Amino acid sequence: MQRPVIALVSLSLAWGCSPSSAPRPPPSFEITTEVLRDKIRGGWAGQTIGVTYGGPTEFRYNGTMIQDYVPIVWYDGYLLETFTNRPGLYDDIYIDLTFVEVLEEKGLDATAMDFAEEFASRDYPLWFANQMARYNIRNGLTPPESGHWLNNPEADAIDFQIEADFAGLMNPGLPNAATEVSDRVGHLMNHGDGFYGGVYVAALYSLAFVSEDIGEVVRGALETIPTESTFRQTLTDVIRWHGQYPEDWKRTWFEIQKKWSEDVGSPRGVFQAFNIDAKLNSAYVVMALLYGDGDFAETLDIAVRAGQDSDCNPSTAAGVLGVMLGYEAIPDYWKQGLSEIEGLEFPYTSTSLEEVYELSFRHALGQIEAHGGSVEGDVVRIEIETPEAVPLEQNFEAHHPAEELPLRREVRDETAFTFEGIGFAVTGEVRTTSGKEHTFSAELYIDGELDEQFPLPSRFTERRFTPFWKYQLAPGPHEIRIVLTNPSPDAHLWLDYAIVYR
């Protein structure tokens, strides 16, 4: 099937990036309903293909690229095989679909609490900022506090970045409308750079509907991010390095590693090669889009071979490119086996690809009409928005990782340790030996004063992902005491190590 030809605007003119002194107003943009639907299908299909392709490499290559000679498989039937046997791989999509389902049930003006309540009620596997947010919400902390770095040590992590696709897919050519939706959702689990990852991805999708120039889309989406943020500085560098080394993505990869590969927040990444930080993984997405230059296979391959979160990054890159190309133009090689899963409900949801194609299409029409556009017959007119930056949020300011303090102990009733600094975060988990779940009642004392009382469940979907932390303490020595007020012979708290900040 040949895609209908449509006229695309120059976004550089729309955003006032031309040499002329006065910015030009954003233009209107017309697209047929057939092409719009095709692009939305391409976005969801691209995500699904990308996360499946990169699945076997996820966090297996940390701080190193995947060499060209390392095979990454793809064959007819692989999608169904993975879909059936590895449901947890699709966390970026089943959370995405949760928010689409909220919009369908509550309407396009669904509130942050509508999203929070549904997200927290689901019992699917979650990790990092998502799991920390679900714990926070279930225990009475509402957004935006549930995602704030003082309440969520994983606030800079990639979580909202990998599940913001829906916000861009429902806002074609409307990056500010995508940002508004992102604000209602992204602060459930993230803040600062972690939030910006989702805002940026949503803007990428939004602008991919109205331009065929990858560079314009990458640069235009960046206008939604405040210039002072480390997130924007990182991606600005990636764009610059692409200009310096246009034929060598590996050189840009090394430049990213040298300057931007630190992880300050996530305790599991601070002194490790592992890095789930949003800005680093967004850098890989942008690198893949720029060096892939519209080639689906090349874009996917670079996004995977950059390493770290190498299933979610190609999912994002392939989703954005899928919008730009449209479903029909995604090479058949990459769509092989897709028809076998399009009618199946995604794990932990009641929605299939076939259904979300239509849901996002209807949501997009609603957003277009709500933001000055129109739908007349099979012609859709979009009033393209000039991207506007969200407010500045920067996490862990003046908090510098100084030490990994080994703890390595089982706690049956209480324990204590000392450190010198202004903050700490402890990794660990509740473990049981009887097969029965147990929830400890925990108390955290800092310098002899009770700071917090809270539950510590052993159940995977209820766990407190990072069990203990505190920032912004007075500089100097501190004593931490942890008390379990309801000990059990069949359960203990395992503490691994503490990250100390000075």
Protein backbone atom coordinates (compact mmCIF):
# COMPACT_ATOMS: atom_id res chain seq x y z
CA MET A 1 0.00 0.00 0.00
CA GLN A 2 1.40 3.39 -0.97
CA ARG A 3 1.17 6.10 1.66
CA PRO A 4 -0.66 9.30 0.67
CA VAL A 5 1.74 12.15 0.08
CA ILE A 6 1.36 15.11 2.44
CA ALA A 7 3.04 18.49 2.54
CA LEU A 8 5.26 19.01 5.55
CA VAL A 9 6.22 22.37 7.03
CA SER A 10 9.64 23.67 7.97
CA LEU A 11 9.63 23.66 11.73
CA SER A 12 12.71 25.86 11.87
CA LEU A 13 10.60 28.66 10.44
CA ALA A 14 7.70 27.86 12.73
CA TRP A 15 9.91 28.14 15.80
CA GLY A 16 11.59 31.36 14.75
CA CYS A 17 14.96 29.68 14.18
CA SER A 18 15.62 31.33 10.83
CA PRO A 19 18.12 34.17 10.41
CA SER A 20 15.27 36.71 10.21
CA SER A 21 14.88 38.88 13.27
CA ALA A 22 11.19 38.28 13.98
CA PRO A 23 9.85 34.80 14.86
CA ARG A 24 7.15 33.62 12.51
CA PRO A 25 3.86 32.32 13.85
CA PRO A 26 3.38 28.55 13.82
CA PRO A 27 1.64 27.41 10.63
CA SER A 28 -1.47 25.37 10.20
CA PHE A 29 -0.88 21.82 9.06
CA GLU A 30 -3.26 19.54 7.23
CA ILE A 31 -3.23 15.77 7.29
CA THR A 32 -5.77 13.16 6.25
CA THR A 33 -7.37 10.93 8.85
CA GLU A 34 -5.85 7.95 7.01
CA VAL A 35 -2.30 9.29 7.35
CA LEU A 36 -2.86 10.38 10.95
CA ARG A 37 -4.09 6.92 11.88
CA ASP A 38 -1.15 5.35 10.02
CA LYS A 39 1.33 7.47 11.96
CA ILE A 40 -0.24 6.64 15.32
CA ARG A 41 -0.11 2.95 14.42
CA GLY A 42 3.53 3.41 13.46
CA GLY A 43 4.32 4.91 16.87
CA TRP A 44 2.80 2.08 18.88
CA ALA A 45 4.18 -0.61 16.56
CA GLY A 46 7.66 0.95 16.64
CA GLN A 47 7.67 0.90 20.45
CA THR A 48 6.68 -2.75 20.51
CA ILE A 49 9.27 -3.76 17.94
CA GLY A 50 12.03 -1.77 19.66
CA VAL A 51 11.51 -3.09 23.18
CA THR A 52 11.27 -6.66 21.92
CA TYR A 53 14.42 -6.37 19.79
CA GLY A 54 16.49 -4.94 22.63
CA GLY A 55 15.03 -7.15 25.36
CA PRO A 56 17.85 -9.73 25.60
CA THR A 57 20.48 -6.98 26.05
CA GLU A 58 18.72 -4.90 28.73
CA PHE A 59 21.29 -3.73 31.32
CA ARG A 60 23.69 -6.48 30.29
CA TYR A 61 26.06 -3.94 28.71
CA ASN A 62 26.62 -1.17 31.24
CA GLY A 63 29.26 1.45 30.57
CA THR A 64 30.21 -0.30 27.35
CA MET A 65 28.73 -0.49 23.86
CA ILE A 66 27.63 -3.75 22.28
CA GLN A 67 30.20 -4.61 19.64
CA ASP A 68 29.14 -5.00 16.02
CA TYR A 69 29.96 -8.69 15.97
CA VAL A 70 27.54 -9.48 18.83
CA PRO A 71 24.39 -10.89 17.16
CA ILE A 72 20.96 -9.53 18.11
CA VAL A 73 18.24 -11.85 16.87
CA TRP A 74 15.06 -11.03 14.97
CA TYR A 75 12.89 -13.57 13.21
CA ASP A 76 9.30 -14.37 12.35
CA GLY A 77 7.54 -15.51 15.52
CA TYR A 78 9.98 -13.77 17.87
CA LEU A 79 7.43 -11.12 18.85
CA LEU A 80 4.84 -13.70 19.90
CA GLU A 81 7.46 -15.78 21.68
CA THR A 82 8.69 -12.81 23.71
CA PHE A 83 5.19 -11.46 24.32
CA THR A 84 4.17 -14.83 25.75
CA ASN A 85 7.26 -15.70 27.78
CA ARG A 86 8.57 -12.34 29.04
CA PRO A 87 5.58 -10.19 30.04
CA GLY A 88 7.64 -8.02 32.41
CA LEU A 89 9.74 -6.79 29.48
CA TYR A 90 6.83 -4.63 28.34
CA ASP A 91 6.67 -2.44 31.45
CA ASP A 92 7.20 0.69 29.34
CA ILE A 93 4.12 -0.20 27.28
CA TYR A 94 1.77 -1.63 29.90
CA ILE A 95 2.23 1.50 32.03
CA ASP A 96 1.71 3.63 28.91
CA LEU A 97 -1.53 1.75 28.29
CA THR A 98 -2.64 2.27 31.88
CA PHE A 99 -2.67 6.01 31.25
CA VAL A 100 -4.46 5.60 27.92
CA GLU A 101 -7.14 3.56 29.70
CA VAL A 102 -7.54 6.32 32.32
CA LEU A 103 -8.04 8.88 29.54
CA GLU A 104 -10.64 6.66 27.92
CA GLU A 105 -12.53 6.17 31.19
CA LYS A 106 -12.17 9.62 32.78
CA GLY A 107 -11.85 11.81 29.69
CA LEU A 108 -9.03 13.88 28.22
CA ASP A 109 -9.07 16.17 31.27
CA ALA A 110 -8.36 13.29 33.70
CA THR A 111 -6.59 14.63 36.78
CA ALA A 112 -3.22 13.73 38.28
CA MET A 113 -5.07 11.86 41.02
CA ASP A 114 -7.08 9.90 38.44
CA PHE A 115 -3.81 8.70 36.95
CA ALA A 116 -2.20 8.15 40.36
CA GLU A 117 -5.04 6.07 41.77
CA GLU A 118 -5.19 3.78 38.74
CA PHE A 119 -1.40 3.45 38.53
CA ALA A 120 -1.13 2.61 42.23
CA SER A 121 -3.97 0.08 42.07
CA ARG A 122 -2.32 -2.05 39.38
CA ASP A 123 -0.33 -5.06 40.55
CA TYR A 124 2.12 -5.34 37.68
CA PRO A 125 5.90 -5.61 38.20
CA LEU A 126 7.59 -2.23 38.66
CA TRP A 127 11.08 -1.07 39.47
CA PHE A 128 13.00 2.11 40.44
CA ALA A 129 11.03 5.39 40.35
CA ASN A 130 7.80 3.64 39.33
CA GLN A 131 7.83 1.20 42.23
CA MET A 132 8.92 3.90 44.66
CA ALA A 133 6.03 6.07 43.45
CA ARG A 134 3.51 3.24 43.73
CA TYR A 135 4.66 2.63 47.31
CA ASN A 136 4.42 6.35 48.08
CA ILE A 137 0.92 6.71 46.63
CA ARG A 138 -0.37 3.56 48.38
CA ASN A 139 0.96 4.99 51.63
CA GLY A 140 -0.70 8.38 51.32
CA LEU A 141 1.83 10.52 49.45
CA THR A 142 0.13 12.11 46.44
CA PRO A 143 1.67 13.64 43.30
CA PRO A 144 3.76 15.68 42.83
CA GLU A 145 5.25 14.74 46.21
CA SER A 146 5.27 11.03 45.26
CA GLY A 147 7.87 11.71 42.57
CA HIS A 148 9.88 14.46 44.26
CA TRP A 149 13.53 13.65 44.88
CA LEU A 150 13.23 14.25 48.63
CA ASN A 151 10.61 11.47 48.71
CA ASN A 152 11.84 9.32 45.82
CA PRO A 153 15.58 8.59 45.51
CA GLU A 154 14.93 7.38 41.94
CA ALA A 155 13.49 10.73 40.79
CA ASP A 156 16.14 11.14 38.06
CA ALA A 157 15.59 7.63 36.68
CA ILE A 158 14.24 6.79 33.24
CA ASP A 159 10.76 5.72 34.33
CA PHE A 160 8.51 8.49 32.98
CA GLN A 161 10.71 8.78 29.90
CA ILE A 162 9.77 5.24 28.86
CA GLU A 163 6.02 5.68 29.40
CA ALA A 164 5.36 9.18 28.07
CA ASP A 165 4.85 7.99 24.48
CA PHE A 166 1.07 8.14 24.83
CA ALA A 167 1.19 11.88 25.62
CA GLY A 168 2.95 12.66 22.34
CA LEU A 169 0.88 10.25 20.27
CA MET A 170 -2.35 11.96 21.37
CA ASN A 171 -1.01 15.46 20.62
CA PRO A 172 0.10 15.65 16.95
CA GLY A 173 1.94 18.92 16.37
CA LEU A 174 0.94 20.08 19.86
CA PRO A 175 4.09 19.81 22.01
CA ASN A 176 2.75 22.13 24.72
CA ALA A 177 -0.44 20.13 25.01
CA ALA A 178 1.74 17.02 25.31
CA THR A 179 3.67 18.79 28.09
CA GLU A 180 0.44 19.59 29.93
CA VAL A 181 -0.56 15.91 29.85
CA SER A 182 2.98 14.98 30.91
CA ASP A 183 2.75 17.27 33.91
CA ARG A 184 -0.38 15.47 35.11
CA VAL A 185 1.34 12.08 34.85
CA GLY A 186 5.11 12.50 35.07
CA HIS A 187 5.25 13.89 38.58
CA LEU A 188 3.64 10.74 39.90
CA MET A 189 7.03 9.04 39.70
CA ASN A 190 9.68 11.58 38.67
CA HIS A 191 11.01 15.09 39.19
CA GLY A 192 13.76 17.14 37.56
CA ASP A 193 15.74 15.32 34.88
CA GLY A 194 13.55 12.25 35.31
CA PHE A 195 10.47 14.33 34.55
CA TYR A 196 12.21 16.08 31.65
CA GLY A 197 12.91 12.73 30.02
CA GLY A 198 9.17 12.18 29.60
CA VAL A 199 8.45 15.78 28.57
CA TYR A 200 11.13 15.51 25.89
CA VAL A 201 9.98 12.14 24.56
CA ALA A 202 6.36 13.34 24.36
CA ALA A 203 7.52 16.39 22.39
CA LEU A 204 9.57 14.19 20.04
CA TYR A 205 6.46 12.17 19.20
CA SER A 206 4.32 15.28 18.86
CA LEU A 207 6.66 16.97 16.40
CA ALA A 208 7.37 13.79 14.44
CA PHE A 209 3.81 14.05 13.08
CA VAL A 210 4.58 17.32 11.30
CA SER A 211 8.17 17.00 10.09
CA GLU A 212 10.27 14.48 8.18
CA ASP A 213 13.53 16.06 9.37
CA ILE A 214 14.95 14.17 12.36
CA GLY A 215 17.30 17.02 13.25
CA GLU A 216 14.45 19.53 13.36
CA VAL A 217 12.36 17.26 15.56
CA VAL A 218 15.22 16.57 17.98
CA ARG A 219 16.10 20.26 18.29
CA GLY A 220 12.49 21.44 18.40
CA ALA A 221 11.54 19.04 21.20
CA LEU A 222 14.48 20.33 23.23
CA GLU A 223 12.78 23.73 23.42
CA THR A 224 10.39 22.20 25.98
CA ILE A 225 13.31 21.75 28.44
CA PRO A 226 14.81 24.64 30.47
CA THR A 227 18.28 25.64 29.31
CA GLU A 228 19.74 25.57 32.84
CA SER A 229 18.94 21.88 33.37
CA THR A 230 21.59 19.18 33.09
CA PHE A 231 19.13 17.26 30.90
CA ARG A 232 19.10 19.95 28.23
CA GLN A 233 22.85 20.50 28.49
CA THR A 234 23.40 16.78 27.88
CA LEU A 235 21.24 16.61 24.75
CA THR A 236 22.66 19.89 23.44
CA ASP A 237 26.08 18.28 23.62
CA VAL A 238 24.86 15.20 21.74
CA ILE A 239 23.53 17.40 18.94
CA ARG A 240 26.83 19.29 18.83
CA TRP A 241 28.92 16.11 18.77
CA HIS A 242 26.78 14.74 15.95
CA GLY A 243 27.68 17.88 14.01
CA GLN A 244 31.38 17.37 14.75
CA TYR A 245 31.47 13.63 14.05
CA PRO A 246 28.58 13.05 11.62
CA GLU A 247 29.79 9.64 10.45
CA ASP A 248 30.94 8.19 13.79
CA TRP A 249 28.27 7.49 16.42
CA LYS A 250 30.81 5.63 18.52
CA ARG A 251 32.88 8.78 18.92
CA THR A 252 29.78 10.58 20.19
CA TRP A 253 29.07 7.64 22.51
CA PHE A 254 32.53 8.07 24.04
CA GLU A 255 32.00 11.81 24.44
CA ILE A 256 28.73 11.13 26.25
CA GLN A 257 30.49 8.68 28.56
CA LYS A 258 33.25 11.12 29.41
CA LYS A 259 30.97 14.01 30.31
CA TRP A 260 27.53 12.76 31.26
CA SER A 261 27.67 9.15 32.50
CA GLU A 262 27.56 9.90 36.24
CA ASP A 263 24.49 8.91 38.25
CA VAL A 264 24.06 10.95 41.43
CA GLY A 265 20.66 9.78 42.60
CA SER A 266 19.85 6.11 42.08
CA PRO A 267 21.70 4.24 44.87
CA ARG A 268 22.18 1.21 42.62
CA GLY A 269 23.98 3.25 39.98
CA VAL A 270 26.07 5.78 41.90
CA PHE A 271 29.27 3.74 42.18
CA GLN A 272 28.42 1.19 39.49
CA ALA A 273 28.64 1.01 35.71
CA PHE A 274 24.86 0.52 35.75
CA ASN A 275 23.05 3.75 34.88
CA ILE A 276 19.29 4.24 34.73
CA ASP A 277 19.54 8.04 34.70
CA ALA A 278 17.13 9.71 32.27
CA LYS A 279 19.58 12.15 30.72
CA LEU A 280 22.11 9.45 29.78
CA ASN A 281 19.54 7.15 28.23
CA SER A 282 17.85 10.06 26.43
CA ALA A 283 21.27 10.91 25.04
CA TYR A 284 21.41 7.43 23.51
CA VAL A 285 17.92 7.89 22.03
CA VAL A 286 18.91 11.20 20.41
CA MET A 287 22.19 9.75 19.20
CA ALA A 288 20.33 6.84 17.56
CA LEU A 289 17.79 9.15 15.90
CA LEU A 290 20.44 11.52 14.54
CA TYR A 291 22.87 8.89 13.28
CA GLY A 292 20.07 6.60 12.08
CA ASP A 293 18.86 9.51 9.92
CA GLY A 294 15.47 7.98 9.18
CA ASP A 295 16.71 4.43 8.57
CA PHE A 296 14.65 2.14 10.80
CA ALA A 297 17.20 -0.67 11.10
CA GLU A 298 20.15 1.67 11.70
CA THR A 299 18.25 3.65 14.33
CA LEU A 300 17.23 0.50 16.18
CA ASP A 301 20.72 -0.96 16.05
CA ILE A 302 22.47 2.12 17.42
CA ALA A 303 19.91 2.53 20.21
CA VAL A 304 20.48 -1.07 21.31
CA ARG A 305 24.26 -1.11 20.91
CA ALA A 306 24.68 2.00 23.04
CA GLY A 307 23.96 -0.26 26.03
CA GLN A 308 22.39 0.43 29.46
CA ASP A 309 18.55 0.43 29.13
CA SER A 310 18.89 -1.08 25.70
CA ASP A 311 15.30 -2.26 25.33
CA CYS A 312 13.54 0.96 26.35
CA ASN A 313 15.86 3.23 24.35
CA PRO A 314 15.21 1.49 21.01
CA SER A 315 11.52 1.37 21.92
CA THR A 316 11.49 5.17 22.20
CA ALA A 317 13.62 5.75 19.11
CA ALA A 318 11.63 3.29 16.96
CA GLY A 319 8.35 4.72 18.25
CA VAL A 320 9.29 8.26 17.26
CA LEU A 321 10.57 7.11 13.89
CA GLY A 322 7.46 4.96 13.46
CA VAL A 323 5.36 8.12 13.70
CA MET A 324 7.52 9.93 11.19
CA LEU A 325 7.50 7.06 8.68
CA GLY A 326 4.02 5.71 9.38
CA TYR A 327 3.08 2.09 9.96
CA GLU A 328 2.98 1.13 6.29
CA ALA A 329 6.51 2.43 5.68
CA ILE A 330 8.12 0.46 8.53
CA PRO A 331 10.09 -2.23 6.68
CA ASP A 332 8.28 -5.57 6.48
CA TYR A 333 11.32 -7.30 8.00
CA TRP A 334 10.65 -5.51 11.29
CA LYS A 335 6.89 -6.08 11.17
CA GLN A 336 7.21 -9.84 10.70
CA GLY A 337 5.09 -11.54 13.32
CA LEU A 338 3.48 -8.28 14.44
CA SER A 339 0.05 -9.34 13.22
CA GLU A 340 0.22 -12.33 15.59
CA ILE A 341 0.21 -10.10 18.67
CA GLU A 342 -1.74 -7.01 17.56
CA GLY A 343 -5.02 -8.51 18.75
CA LEU A 344 -3.64 -9.74 22.10
CA GLU A 345 -4.09 -7.74 25.28
CA PHE A 346 -0.80 -6.46 26.66
CA PRO A 347 0.24 -8.08 29.95
CA TYR A 348 -1.52 -6.58 32.99
CA THR A 349 -3.90 -4.51 30.81
CA SER A 350 -7.18 -4.95 28.97
CA THR A 351 -5.87 -3.25 25.81
CA SER A 352 -4.29 -4.64 22.65
CA LEU A 353 -2.28 -2.86 19.98
CA GLU A 354 -5.30 -2.91 17.66
CA GLU A 355 -7.38 -1.23 20.36
CA VAL A 356 -4.79 1.39 21.33
CA TYR A 357 -4.30 2.34 17.69
CA GLU A 358 -7.92 3.44 17.68
CA LEU A 359 -7.96 4.90 21.20
CA SER A 360 -4.96 7.15 20.53
CA PHE A 361 -6.44 8.19 17.19
CA ARG A 362 -9.68 9.31 18.87
CA HIS A 363 -7.79 11.03 21.69
CA ALA A 364 -5.64 12.83 19.11
CA LEU A 365 -8.71 14.13 17.26
CA GLY A 366 -10.11 15.40 20.54
CA GLN A 367 -6.88 17.18 21.44
CA ILE A 368 -6.54 18.71 17.97
CA GLU A 369 -10.04 20.19 18.17
CA ALA A 370 -9.46 21.38 21.75
CA HIS A 371 -6.36 23.29 20.66
CA GLY A 372 -7.65 25.31 17.73
CA GLY A 373 -7.65 22.68 14.99
CA SER A 374 -10.53 21.07 13.15
CA VAL A 375 -11.72 17.78 11.71
CA GLU A 376 -13.80 18.06 8.56
CA GLY A 377 -14.53 14.80 6.81
CA ASP A 378 -11.21 13.07 6.25
CA VAL A 379 -9.13 16.27 6.54
CA VAL A 380 -7.56 17.22 9.86
CA ARG A 381 -6.16 20.71 10.41
CA ILE A 382 -3.63 21.14 13.21
CA GLU A 383 -2.58 24.51 14.61
CA ILE A 384 1.07 23.68 15.34
CA GLU A 385 2.31 24.93 18.69
CA THR A 386 5.63 26.64 19.31
CA PRO A 387 7.35 24.54 22.01
CA GLU A 388 7.63 26.23 25.40
CA ALA A 389 9.97 25.25 28.22
CA VAL A 390 8.65 23.82 31.48
CA PRO A 391 9.88 25.29 34.81
CA LEU A 392 13.33 24.42 36.10
CA GLU A 393 13.60 21.45 38.46
CA GLN A 394 17.02 20.12 39.44
CA ASN A 395 17.46 17.19 41.80
CA PHE A 396 20.25 16.45 44.31
CA GLU A 397 21.77 19.92 44.09
CA ALA A 398 24.88 20.19 46.31
CA HIS A 399 24.62 16.45 47.07
CA HIS A 400 27.80 14.74 45.90
CA PRO A 401 28.24 10.97 46.31
CA ALA A 402 31.28 10.51 48.54
CA GLU A 403 31.25 6.94 49.82
CA GLU A 404 29.64 3.53 49.46
CA LEU A 405 29.39 2.34 53.05
CA PRO A 406 29.12 -1.49 53.25
CA LEU A 407 26.40 -2.75 55.60
CA ARG A 408 25.93 -6.39 54.51
CA ARG A 409 23.76 -7.51 57.40
CA GLU A 410 20.53 -9.23 58.31
CA VAL A 411 18.33 -7.17 60.60
CA ARG A 412 15.89 -9.04 62.86
CA ASP A 413 14.95 -6.25 65.24
CA GLU A 414 17.28 -3.23 65.01
CA THR A 415 20.61 -2.00 63.74
CA ALA A 416 22.64 1.20 63.55
CA PHE A 417 25.45 2.80 61.58
CA THR A 418 27.23 6.14 61.45
CA PHE A 419 28.44 8.34 58.62
CA GLU A 420 29.67 11.85 57.99
CA GLY A 421 27.87 13.92 55.37
CA ILE A 422 24.61 15.65 54.45
CA GLY A 423 22.56 12.68 53.24
CA PHE A 424 22.35 8.94 52.72
CA ALA A 425 20.38 6.26 50.88
CA VAL A 426 20.35 2.57 51.84
CA THR A 427 19.75 -0.36 49.52
CA GLY A 428 18.12 -3.52 50.80
CA GLU A 429 14.97 -5.63 50.93
CA VAL A 430 12.70 -7.65 53.18
CA ARG A 431 13.25 -11.40 52.80
CA THR A 432 11.14 -14.28 54.10
CA THR A 433 12.00 -17.94 54.62
CA SER A 434 8.58 -19.52 55.09
CA GLY A 435 7.05 -18.55 51.78
CA LYS A 436 4.58 -16.27 53.54
CA GLU A 437 4.69 -12.52 53.00
CA HIS A 438 5.53 -10.26 55.92
CA THR A 439 5.31 -6.50 56.40
CA PHE A 440 7.63 -4.98 58.98
CA SER A 441 6.71 -1.83 60.85
CA ALA A 442 9.90 0.23 60.66
CA GLU A 443 11.17 3.27 62.50
CA LEU A 444 14.02 5.44 61.31
CA TYR A 445 15.95 7.43 63.91
CA ILE A 446 18.46 10.13 62.94
CA ASP A 447 20.80 11.32 65.70
CA GLY A 448 18.49 9.88 68.32
CA GLU A 449 15.30 11.51 67.00
CA LEU A 450 12.46 9.57 65.38
CA ASP A 451 12.35 10.76 61.77
CA GLU A 452 9.82 8.42 60.16
CA GLN A 453 7.56 5.41 60.75
CA PHE A 454 6.48 3.31 57.77
CA PRO A 455 5.71 -0.23 56.54
CA LEU A 456 8.33 -2.41 54.83
CA PRO A 457 6.52 -5.17 52.89
CA SER A 458 8.24 -8.24 51.49
CA ARG A 459 5.69 -8.53 48.67
CA PHE A 460 7.37 -7.58 45.39
CA THR A 461 4.66 -5.25 44.12
CA GLU A 462 4.32 -3.51 47.51
CA ARG A 463 8.01 -3.15 48.43
CA ARG A 464 9.72 0.13 49.25
CA PHE A 465 12.26 0.05 46.44
CA THR A 466 14.83 2.05 48.41
CA PRO A 467 14.04 1.32 52.06
CA PHE A 468 15.82 4.23 53.80
CA TRP A 469 17.13 7.66 52.83
CA LYS A 470 17.39 11.24 53.98
CA TYR A 471 18.85 14.31 52.30
CA GLN A 472 19.59 17.92 53.27
CA LEU A 473 20.98 17.06 56.71
CA ALA A 474 23.34 19.42 58.50
CA PRO A 475 26.96 18.73 57.48
CA GLY A 476 28.81 16.52 59.93
CA PRO A 477 28.63 13.13 61.66
CA HIS A 478 25.25 11.38 61.99
CA GLU A 479 23.97 8.21 63.62
CA ILE A 480 21.25 6.19 61.89
CA ARG A 481 19.22 3.64 63.83
CA ILE A 482 16.66 1.34 62.21
CA VAL A 483 14.10 -0.43 64.40
CA LEU A 484 11.66 -3.17 63.33
CA THR A 485 8.87 -3.07 65.88
CA ASN A 486 7.19 -6.35 64.82
CA PRO A 487 10.00 -8.88 64.28
CA SER A 488 9.22 -12.28 62.81
CA PRO A 489 11.15 -15.58 63.00
CA ASP A 490 10.36 -16.12 59.31
CA ALA A 491 11.50 -12.75 57.97
CA HIS A 492 14.44 -10.36 58.10
CA LEU A 493 15.55 -7.10 56.56
CA TRP A 494 18.68 -7.40 54.43
CA LEU A 495 20.76 -4.23 54.18
CA ASP A 496 23.37 -4.09 51.43
CA TYR A 497 25.10 -0.69 51.50
CA ALA A 498 24.55 3.02 52.06
CA ILE A 499 25.42 5.80 49.64
CA VAL A 500 26.80 8.78 51.57
CA TYR A 501 26.50 12.34 50.26
CA ARG A 502 28.66 15.30 51.21
